[in-house]
PDB file of N, CA and C in Angstrom:
ATOM      1  N   MET A   1       4.637 -16.784 -41.463  1.00  0.00           N
ATOM      2  CA  MET A   1       4.433 -15.333 -40.884  1.00  0.00           C
ATOM      3  C   MET A   1       3.363 -14.919 -40.025  1.00  0.00           C
ATOM      4  N   GLU A   2       2.027 -15.121 -40.360  1.00  0.00           N
ATOM      5  CA  GLU A   2       1.123 -15.011 -39.903  1.00  0.00           C
ATOM      6  C   GLU A   2       1.001 -15.884 -38.524  1.00  0.00           C
ATOM      7  N   ASP A   3       1.312 -17.181 -38.534  1.00  0.00           N
ATOM      8  CA  ASP A   3       1.650 -17.854 -37.274  1.00  0.00           C
ATOM      9  C   ASP A   3       2.226 -17.202 -36.125  1.00  0.00           C
ATOM     10  N   ARG A   4       3.601 -16.654 -36.728  1.00  0.00           N
ATOM     11  CA  ARG A   4       4.308 -15.996 -35.661  1.00  0.00           C
ATOM     12  C   ARG A   4       3.746 -14.765 -35.130  1.00  0.00           C
ATOM     13  N   ILE A   5       2.785 -14.146 -35.988  1.00  0.00           N
ATOM     14  CA  ILE A   5       2.234 -12.996 -35.383  1.00  0.00           C
ATOM     15  C   ILE A   5       1.000 -13.276 -34.447  1.00  0.00           C
ATOM     16  N   ASN A   6       0.461 -14.105 -34.923  1.00  0.00           N
ATOM     17  CA  ASN A   6      -0.827 -14.879 -33.909  1.00  0.00           C
ATOM     18  C   ASN A   6      -0.053 -15.316 -32.693  1.00  0.00           C
ATOM     19  N   ASP A   7       1.050 -16.150 -32.587  1.00  0.00           N
ATOM     20  CA  ASP A   7       1.776 -16.540 -31.431  1.00  0.00           C
ATOM     21  C   ASP A   7       2.028 -15.107 -30.482  1.00  0.00           C
ATOM     22  N   LEU A   8       2.677 -14.199 -31.228  1.00  0.00           N
ATOM     23  CA  LEU A   8       3.110 -12.946 -30.466  1.00  0.00           C
ATOM     24  C   LEU A   8       1.757 -12.330 -29.897  1.00  0.00           C
ATOM     25  N   GLU A   9       0.848 -12.060 -30.612  1.00  0.00           N
ATOM     26  CA  GLU A   9      -0.236 -11.420 -30.024  1.00  0.00           C
ATOM     27  C   GLU A   9      -1.053 -12.290 -28.804  1.00  0.00           C
ATOM     28  N   SER A  10      -0.855 -13.587 -29.113  1.00  0.00           N
ATOM     29  CA  SER A  10      -1.377 -14.555 -27.846  1.00  0.00           C
ATOM     30  C   SER A  10      -0.401 -14.310 -26.602  1.00  0.00           C
ATOM     31  N   ARG A  11       0.702 -14.067 -26.907  1.00  0.00           N
ATOM     32  CA  ARG A  11       1.588 -13.930 -25.813  1.00  0.00           C
ATOM     33  C   ARG A  11       1.505 -12.527 -25.003  1.00  0.00           C
ATOM     34  N   ILE A  12       1.248 -11.549 -26.002  1.00  0.00           N
ATOM     35  CA  ILE A  12       0.984 -10.074 -25.493  1.00  0.00           C
ATOM     36  C   ILE A  12      -0.177 -10.052 -24.624  1.00  0.00           C
ATOM     37  N   ALA A  13      -1.349 -10.723 -25.264  1.00  0.00           N
ATOM     38  CA  ALA A  13      -2.612 -10.862 -24.344  1.00  0.00           C
ATOM     39  C   ALA A  13      -2.445 -11.727 -23.000  1.00  0.00           C
ATOM     40  N   PHE A  14      -1.677 -12.682 -23.109  1.00  0.00           N
ATOM     41  CA  PHE A  14      -1.503 -13.498 -21.865  1.00  0.00           C
ATOM     42  C   PHE A  14      -0.827 -12.582 -20.887  1.00  0.00           C
ATOM     43  N   GLN A  15       0.314 -11.856 -21.313  1.00  0.00           N
ATOM     44  CA  GLN A  15       1.098 -10.969 -20.558  1.00  0.00           C
ATOM     45  C   GLN A  15       0.362  -9.739 -19.887  1.00  0.00           C
ATOM     46  N   GLU A  16      -0.495  -9.204 -20.745  1.00  0.00           N
ATOM     47  CA  GLU A  16      -1.402  -8.219 -20.423  1.00  0.00           C
ATOM     48  C   GLU A  16      -2.421  -8.541 -19.113  1.00  0.00           C
ATOM     49  N   HIS A  17      -3.021  -9.832 -19.184  1.00  0.00           N
ATOM     50  CA  HIS A  17      -3.694 -10.210 -18.233  1.00  0.00           C
ATOM     51  C   HIS A  17      -2.964 -10.453 -17.003  1.00  0.00           C
ATOM     52  N   THR A  18      -1.826 -11.259 -17.252  1.00  0.00           N
ATOM     53  CA  THR A  18      -0.923 -11.393 -16.093  1.00  0.00           C
ATOM     54  C   THR A  18      -0.627 -10.098 -15.129  1.00  0.00           C
ATOM     55  N   ILE A  19      -0.183  -9.044 -16.087  1.00  0.00           N
ATOM     56  CA  ILE A  19       0.348  -7.825 -15.468  1.00  0.00           C
ATOM     57  C   ILE A  19      -1.044  -7.341 -14.591  1.00  0.00           C
ATOM     58  N   GLN A  20      -2.267  -7.460 -15.262  1.00  0.00           N
ATOM     59  CA  GLN A  20      -3.531  -6.815 -14.517  1.00  0.00           C
ATOM     60  C   GLN A  20      -3.722  -7.551 -13.272  1.00  0.00           C
ATOM     61  N   GLU A  21      -3.538  -9.033 -13.281  1.00  0.00           N
ATOM     62  CA  GLU A  21      -3.872  -9.671 -11.901  1.00  0.00           C
ATOM     63  C   GLU A  21      -2.790  -9.213 -11.125  1.00  0.00           C
ATOM     64  N   LEU A  22      -1.530  -9.272 -11.497  1.00  0.00           N
ATOM     65  CA  LEU A  22      -0.466  -8.747 -10.537  1.00  0.00           C
ATOM     66  C   LEU A  22      -0.731  -7.345 -10.021  1.00  0.00           C
ATOM     67  N   GLN A  23      -1.045  -6.424 -10.686  1.00  0.00           N
ATOM     68  CA  GLN A  23      -1.775  -5.065 -10.295  1.00  0.00           C
ATOM     69  C   GLN A  23      -2.686  -5.073  -9.396  1.00  0.00           C
ATOM     70  N   ASP A  24      -3.647  -5.877  -9.671  1.00  0.00           N
ATOM     71  CA  ASP A  24      -4.665  -6.158  -8.607  1.00  0.00           C
ATOM     72  C   ASP A  24      -4.106  -6.751  -7.289  1.00  0.00           C
ATOM     73  N   LEU A  25      -3.288  -7.601  -7.387  1.00  0.00           N
ATOM     74  CA  LEU A  25      -2.927  -8.189  -6.140  1.00  0.00           C
ATOM     75  C   LEU A  25      -1.982  -7.313  -5.337  1.00  0.00           C
ATOM     76  N   VAL A  26      -1.326  -6.307  -6.018  1.00  0.00           N
ATOM     77  CA  VAL A  26      -0.562  -5.429  -5.160  1.00  0.00           C
ATOM     78  C   VAL A  26      -1.184  -4.549  -4.585  1.00  0.00           C
ATOM     79  N   ALA A  27      -2.385  -3.936  -5.189  1.00  0.00           N
ATOM     80  CA  ALA A  27      -3.348  -2.998  -4.726  1.00  0.00           C
ATOM     81  C   ALA A  27      -4.179  -3.609  -3.481  1.00  0.00           C
ATOM     82  N   THR A  28      -4.419  -4.876  -3.509  1.00  0.00           N
ATOM     83  CA  THR A  28      -4.768  -5.508  -2.222  1.00  0.00           C
ATOM     84  C   THR A  28      -4.044  -5.748  -1.223  1.00  0.00           C
ATOM     85  N   HIS A  29      -2.821  -6.118  -1.493  1.00  0.00           N
ATOM     86  CA  HIS A  29      -1.871  -6.076  -0.406  1.00  0.00           C
ATOM     87  C   HIS A  29      -1.540  -4.693   0.202  1.00  0.00           C
ATOM     88  N   GLN A  30      -1.490  -3.612  -0.690  1.00  0.00           N
ATOM     89  CA  GLN A  30      -1.340  -2.289  -0.257  1.00  0.00           C
ATOM     90  C   GLN A  30      -2.353  -1.966   0.799  1.00  0.00           C
ATOM     91  N   LYS A  31      -3.800  -2.368   0.465  1.00  0.00           N
ATOM     92  CA  LYS A  31      -4.788  -1.863   1.331  1.00  0.00           C
ATOM     93  C   LYS A  31      -4.567  -2.786   2.644  1.00  0.00           C
ATOM     94  N   GLN A  32      -4.373  -4.088   2.410  1.00  0.00           N
ATOM     95  CA  GLN A  32      -4.117  -4.971   3.516  1.00  0.00           C
ATOM     96  C   GLN A  32      -3.118  -4.349   4.534  1.00  0.00           C
ATOM     97  N   LEU A  33      -2.096  -3.922   4.096  1.00  0.00           N
ATOM     98  CA  LEU A  33      -0.830  -3.382   4.757  1.00  0.00           C
ATOM     99  C   LEU A  33      -1.295  -2.104   5.724  1.00  0.00           C
ATOM    100  N   TYR A  34      -2.040  -1.327   5.006  1.00  0.00           N
ATOM    101  CA  TYR A  34      -2.529  -0.060   5.356  1.00  0.00           C
ATOM    102  C   TYR A  34      -3.465  -0.229   6.668  1.00  0.00           C
ATOM    103  N   ASP A  35      -4.349  -1.253   6.449  1.00  0.00           N
ATOM    104  CA  ASP A  35      -5.216  -1.597   7.448  1.00  0.00           C
ATOM    105  C   ASP A  35      -4.669  -2.322   8.710  1.00  0.00           C
ATOM    106  N   MET A  36      -3.688  -3.164   8.292  1.00  0.00           N
ATOM    107  CA  MET A  36      -2.710  -3.615   9.629  1.00  0.00           C
ATOM    108  C   MET A  36      -1.840  -2.463  10.407  1.00  0.00           C
ATOM    109  N   GLU A  37      -1.394  -1.374   9.599  1.00  0.00           N
ATOM    110  CA  GLU A  37      -0.701  -0.439  10.055  1.00  0.00           C
ATOM    111  C   GLU A  37      -1.688   0.420  11.183  1.00  0.00           C
ATOM    112  N   GLU A  38      -2.809   0.548  10.572  1.00  0.00           N
ATOM    113  CA  GLU A  38      -3.770   1.309  11.426  1.00  0.00           C
ATOM    114  C   GLU A  38      -4.217   0.465  12.826  1.00  0.00           C
ATOM    115  N   ALA A  39      -4.458  -0.757  12.412  1.00  0.00           N
ATOM    116  CA  ALA A  39      -4.574  -1.539  13.547  1.00  0.00           C
ATOM    117  C   ALA A  39      -3.599  -1.694  14.771  1.00  0.00           C
ATOM    118  N   MET A  40      -2.302  -1.643  14.187  1.00  0.00           N
ATOM    119  CA  MET A  40      -1.327  -1.717  14.947  1.00  0.00           C
ATOM    120  C   MET A  40      -1.220  -0.592  15.847  1.00  0.00           C
ATOM    121  N   LYS A  41      -1.500   0.685  15.207  1.00  0.00           N
ATOM    122  CA  LYS A  41      -1.384   2.079  15.779  1.00  0.00           C
ATOM    123  C   LYS A  41      -2.450   1.941  17.030  1.00  0.00           C
ATOM    124  N   VAL A  42      -3.517   1.416  16.624  1.00  0.00           N
ATOM    125  CA  VAL A  42      -4.849   1.431  17.626  1.00  0.00           C
ATOM    126  C   VAL A  42      -4.402   0.325  18.854  1.00  0.00           C
ATOM    127  N   MET A  43      -3.535  -0.595  18.588  1.00  0.00           N
ATOM    128  CA  MET A  43      -3.390  -1.617  19.811  1.00  0.00           C
ATOM    129  C   MET A  43      -2.269  -0.848  20.540  1.00  0.00           C
ATOM    130  N   ALA A  44      -1.340  -0.106  19.865  1.00  0.00           N
ATOM    131  CA  ALA A  44      -0.265   0.504  20.640  1.00  0.00           C
ATOM    132  C   ALA A  44      -0.917   1.696  21.371  1.00  0.00           C
ATOM    133  N   ARG A  45      -1.885   2.322  21.079  1.00  0.00           N
ATOM    134  CA  ARG A  45      -2.508   3.410  22.130  1.00  0.00           C
ATOM    135  C   ARG A  45      -3.056   2.735  23.113  1.00  0.00           C
ATOM    136  N   ARG A  46      -4.015   1.650  22.683  1.00  0.00           N
ATOM    137  CA  ARG A  46      -4.559   0.826  23.909  1.00  0.00           C
ATOM    138  C   ARG A  46      -3.589   0.275  24.843  1.00  0.00           C
ATOM    139  N   ILE A  47      -2.440  -0.090  24.437  1.00  0.00           N
ATOM    140  CA  ILE A  47      -1.588  -0.813  25.385  1.00  0.00           C
ATOM    141  C   ILE A  47      -0.972   0.323  26.321  1.00  0.00           C
ATOM    142  N   SER A  48      -0.623   1.517  25.492  1.00  0.00           N
ATOM    143  CA  SER A  48      -0.009   2.641  26.400  1.00  0.00           C
ATOM    144  C   SER A  48      -1.173   3.005  27.334  1.00  0.00           C
ATOM    145  N   GLN A  49      -2.378   3.097  27.075  1.00  0.00           N
ATOM    146  CA  GLN A  49      -3.470   3.543  27.813  1.00  0.00           C
ATOM    147  C   GLN A  49      -3.753   2.646  29.182  1.00  0.00           C
ATOM    148  N   MET A  50      -3.585   1.318  28.723  1.00  0.00           N
ATOM    149  CA  MET A  50      -3.709   0.286  29.725  1.00  0.00           C
ATOM    150  C   MET A  50      -2.531   0.332  30.896  1.00  0.00           C
ATOM    151  N   SER A  51      -1.283   0.651  30.096  1.00  0.00           N
ATOM    152  CA  SER A  51       0.020   0.678  31.075  1.00  0.00           C
ATOM    153  C   SER A  51      -0.367   2.003  31.958  1.00  0.00           C
ATOM    154  N   THR A  52      -0.709   3.285  31.386  1.00  0.00           N
ATOM    155  CA  THR A  52      -0.879   4.488  32.221  1.00  0.00           C
ATOM    156  C   THR A  52      -2.061   4.017  33.171  1.00  0.00           C
ATOM    157  N   ALA A  53      -3.042   3.469  32.754  1.00  0.00           N
ATOM    158  CA  ALA A  53      -4.078   3.223  33.745  1.00  0.00           C
ATOM    159  C   ALA A  53      -3.532   2.320  35.000  1.00  0.00           C
ATOM    160  N   SER A  54      -3.058   1.353  34.722  1.00  0.00           N
ATOM    161  CA  SER A  54      -2.634   0.213  35.519  1.00  0.00           C
ATOM    162  C   SER A  54      -1.809   0.888  36.785  1.00  0.00           C
ATOM    163  N   SER A  55      -0.732   1.744  36.110  1.00  0.00           N
ATOM    164  CA  SER A  55      -0.012   2.334  37.113  1.00  0.00           C
ATOM    165  C   SER A  55      -0.572   3.432  37.999  1.00  0.00           C
ATOM    166  N   GLY A  56      -1.616   3.932  37.479  1.00  0.00           N
ATOM    167  CA  GLY A  56      -2.160   5.043  38.229  1.00  0.00           C
ATOM    168  C   GLY A  56      -1.337   6.561  37.963  1.00  0.00           C
ATOM    169  N   THR A  57      -0.012   6.414  37.959  1.00  0.00           N
ATOM    170  CA  THR A  57       0.610   7.818  37.793  1.00  0.00           C
ATOM    171  C   THR A  57       1.248   7.823  36.611  1.00  0.00           C
ATOM    172  N   GLY A  58       1.214   6.976  35.748  1.00  0.00           N
ATOM    173  CA  GLY A  58       1.704   7.146  34.349  1.00  0.00           C
ATOM    174  C   GLY A  58       3.238   6.751  34.526  1.00  0.00           C
ATOM    175  N   VAL A  59       3.881   6.298  35.697  1.00  0.00           N
ATOM    176  CA  VAL A  59       5.094   5.786  35.813  1.00  0.00           C
ATOM    177  C   VAL A  59       5.282   4.035  35.388  1.00  0.00           C
ATOM    178  N   GLY A  60       6.043   3.742  34.726  1.00  0.00           N
ATOM    179  CA  GLY A  60       6.427   2.464  34.401  1.00  0.00           C
ATOM    180  C   GLY A  60       6.697   1.610  35.655  1.00  0.00           C
ATOM    181  N   SER A  61       6.362   0.406  35.681  1.00  0.00           N
ATOM    182  CA  SER A  61       6.620  -0.439  36.793  1.00  0.00           C
ATOM    183  C   SER A  61       8.132  -0.703  37.088  1.00  0.00           C
ATOM    184  N   GLU A  62       8.975  -0.550  36.029  1.00  0.00           N
ATOM    185  CA  GLU A  62      10.517  -0.547  36.158  1.00  0.00           C
ATOM    186  C   GLU A  62      10.976   0.622  36.965  1.00  0.00           C
ATOM    187  N   GLU A  63      10.226   1.749  37.045  1.00  0.00           N
ATOM    188  CA  GLU A  63      10.732   2.852  37.778  1.00  0.00           C
ATOM    189  C   GLU A  63      10.060   2.921  39.221  1.00  0.00           C
ATOM    190  N   GLU A  64       9.176   1.972  39.591  1.00  0.00           N
ATOM    191  CA  GLU A  64       8.508   2.118  40.759  1.00  0.00           C
ATOM    192  C   GLU A  64       9.460   1.492  41.890  1.00  0.00           C
ATOM    193  N   ARG A  65       9.536   1.896  43.165  1.00  0.00           N
ATOM    194  CA  ARG A  65      10.243   1.500  44.241  1.00  0.00           C
ATOM    195  C   ARG A  65       9.384   0.171  44.844  1.00  0.00           C
ATOM    196  N   PRO A  66      10.271  -0.846  44.999  1.00  0.00           N
ATOM    197  CA  PRO A  66       9.708  -2.027  45.573  1.00  0.00           C
ATOM    198  C   PRO A  66       8.967  -1.688  46.907  1.00  0.00           C
ATOM    199  N   PRO A  67       7.958  -2.426  47.539  1.00  0.00           N
ATOM    200  CA  PRO A  67       7.238  -1.955  48.640  1.00  0.00           C
ATOM    201  C   PRO A  67       7.980  -2.090  49.781  1.00  0.00           C
ATOM    202  N   HIS A  68       9.196  -2.512  50.088  1.00  0.00           N
ATOM    203  CA  HIS A  68      10.098  -2.515  51.304  1.00  0.00           C
ATOM    204  C   HIS A  68      10.776  -1.337  51.614  1.00  0.00           C
ATOM    205  N   TYR A  69      10.822  -0.373  50.687  1.00  0.00           N
ATOM    206  CA  TYR A  69      11.593   0.835  50.720  1.00  0.00           C
ATOM    207  C   TYR A  69      10.503   1.891  51.148  1.00  0.00           C
TER     208      TYR A  69
END
Protein backbone atom coordinates (compact mmCIF):
# COMPACT_ATOMS: atom_id res chain seq x y z
CA MET A 1 0.00 0.00 0.00
CA GLU A 2 2.79 2.41 0.87
CA ASP A 3 4.52 1.66 -2.43
CA ARG A 4 1.36 2.62 -4.31
CA ILE A 5 1.10 5.88 -2.39
CA ASN A 6 4.75 6.67 -3.11
CA ASP A 7 4.22 5.86 -6.78
CA LEU A 8 1.17 8.14 -6.95
CA GLU A 9 3.02 10.95 -5.17
CA SER A 10 5.89 10.57 -7.60
CA ARG A 11 3.54 10.69 -10.58
CA ILE A 12 1.77 13.77 -9.23
CA ALA A 13 5.08 15.54 -8.65
CA PHE A 14 6.16 14.72 -12.21
CA GLN A 15 2.83 15.94 -13.61
CA GLU A 16 3.01 19.17 -11.62
CA HIS A 17 6.51 19.78 -12.95
CA THR A 18 5.39 19.06 -16.51
CA ILE A 19 2.38 21.35 -16.17
CA GLN A 20 4.60 24.18 -14.91
CA GLU A 21 6.98 23.71 -17.84
CA LEU A 22 4.06 23.80 -20.28
CA GLN A 23 2.64 26.93 -18.66
CA ASP A 24 6.02 28.63 -18.96
CA LEU A 25 6.23 27.61 -22.61
CA VAL A 26 2.74 28.93 -23.35
CA ALA A 27 3.62 32.24 -21.67
CA THR A 28 6.79 32.48 -23.77
CA HIS A 29 4.86 31.76 -26.96
CA GLN A 30 2.22 34.34 -26.06
CA LYS A 31 4.91 37.00 -25.64
CA GLN A 32 6.57 36.01 -28.92
CA LEU A 33 3.22 36.16 -30.71
CA TYR A 34 2.48 39.60 -29.27
CA ASP A 35 5.94 40.83 -30.29
CA MET A 36 5.48 39.47 -33.83
CA GLU A 37 2.05 41.09 -34.13
CA GLU A 38 3.52 44.44 -33.09
CA ALA A 39 6.40 44.05 -35.57
CA MET A 40 3.93 43.18 -38.32
CA LYS A 41 1.90 46.33 -37.57
CA VAL A 42 5.06 48.43 -37.77
CA MET A 43 6.04 46.83 -41.08
CA ALA A 44 2.54 47.35 -42.50
CA ARG A 45 2.68 51.04 -41.56
CA ARG A 46 6.12 51.40 -43.14
CA ILE A 47 4.99 49.69 -46.35
CA SER A 48 1.97 51.95 -46.47
CA GLN A 49 4.14 55.02 -45.95
CA MET A 50 6.61 53.86 -48.61
CA SER A 51 3.78 53.25 -51.06
CA THR A 52 2.32 56.67 -50.39
CA ALA A 53 5.71 58.37 -50.62
CA SER A 54 6.69 56.63 -53.86
CA SER A 55 3.48 57.58 -55.62
CA GLY A 56 3.58 61.13 -54.35
CA THR A 57 -0.17 61.48 -54.53
CA GLY A 58 -1.19 58.56 -52.41
CA VAL A 59 -2.79 56.91 -55.45
CA GLY A 60 -1.81 53.30 -56.01
CA SER A 61 0.11 52.43 -59.17
CA GLU A 62 -2.79 50.32 -60.45
CA GLU A 63 -4.95 53.47 -60.56
CA GLU A 64 -2.42 55.63 -62.42
CA ARG A 65 -2.75 56.26 -66.15
CA PRO A 66 0.00 54.96 -68.38
CA PRO A 67 2.32 57.68 -69.76
CA HIS A 68 0.85 57.51 -73.32
CA TYR A 69 -2.52 58.96 -72.21
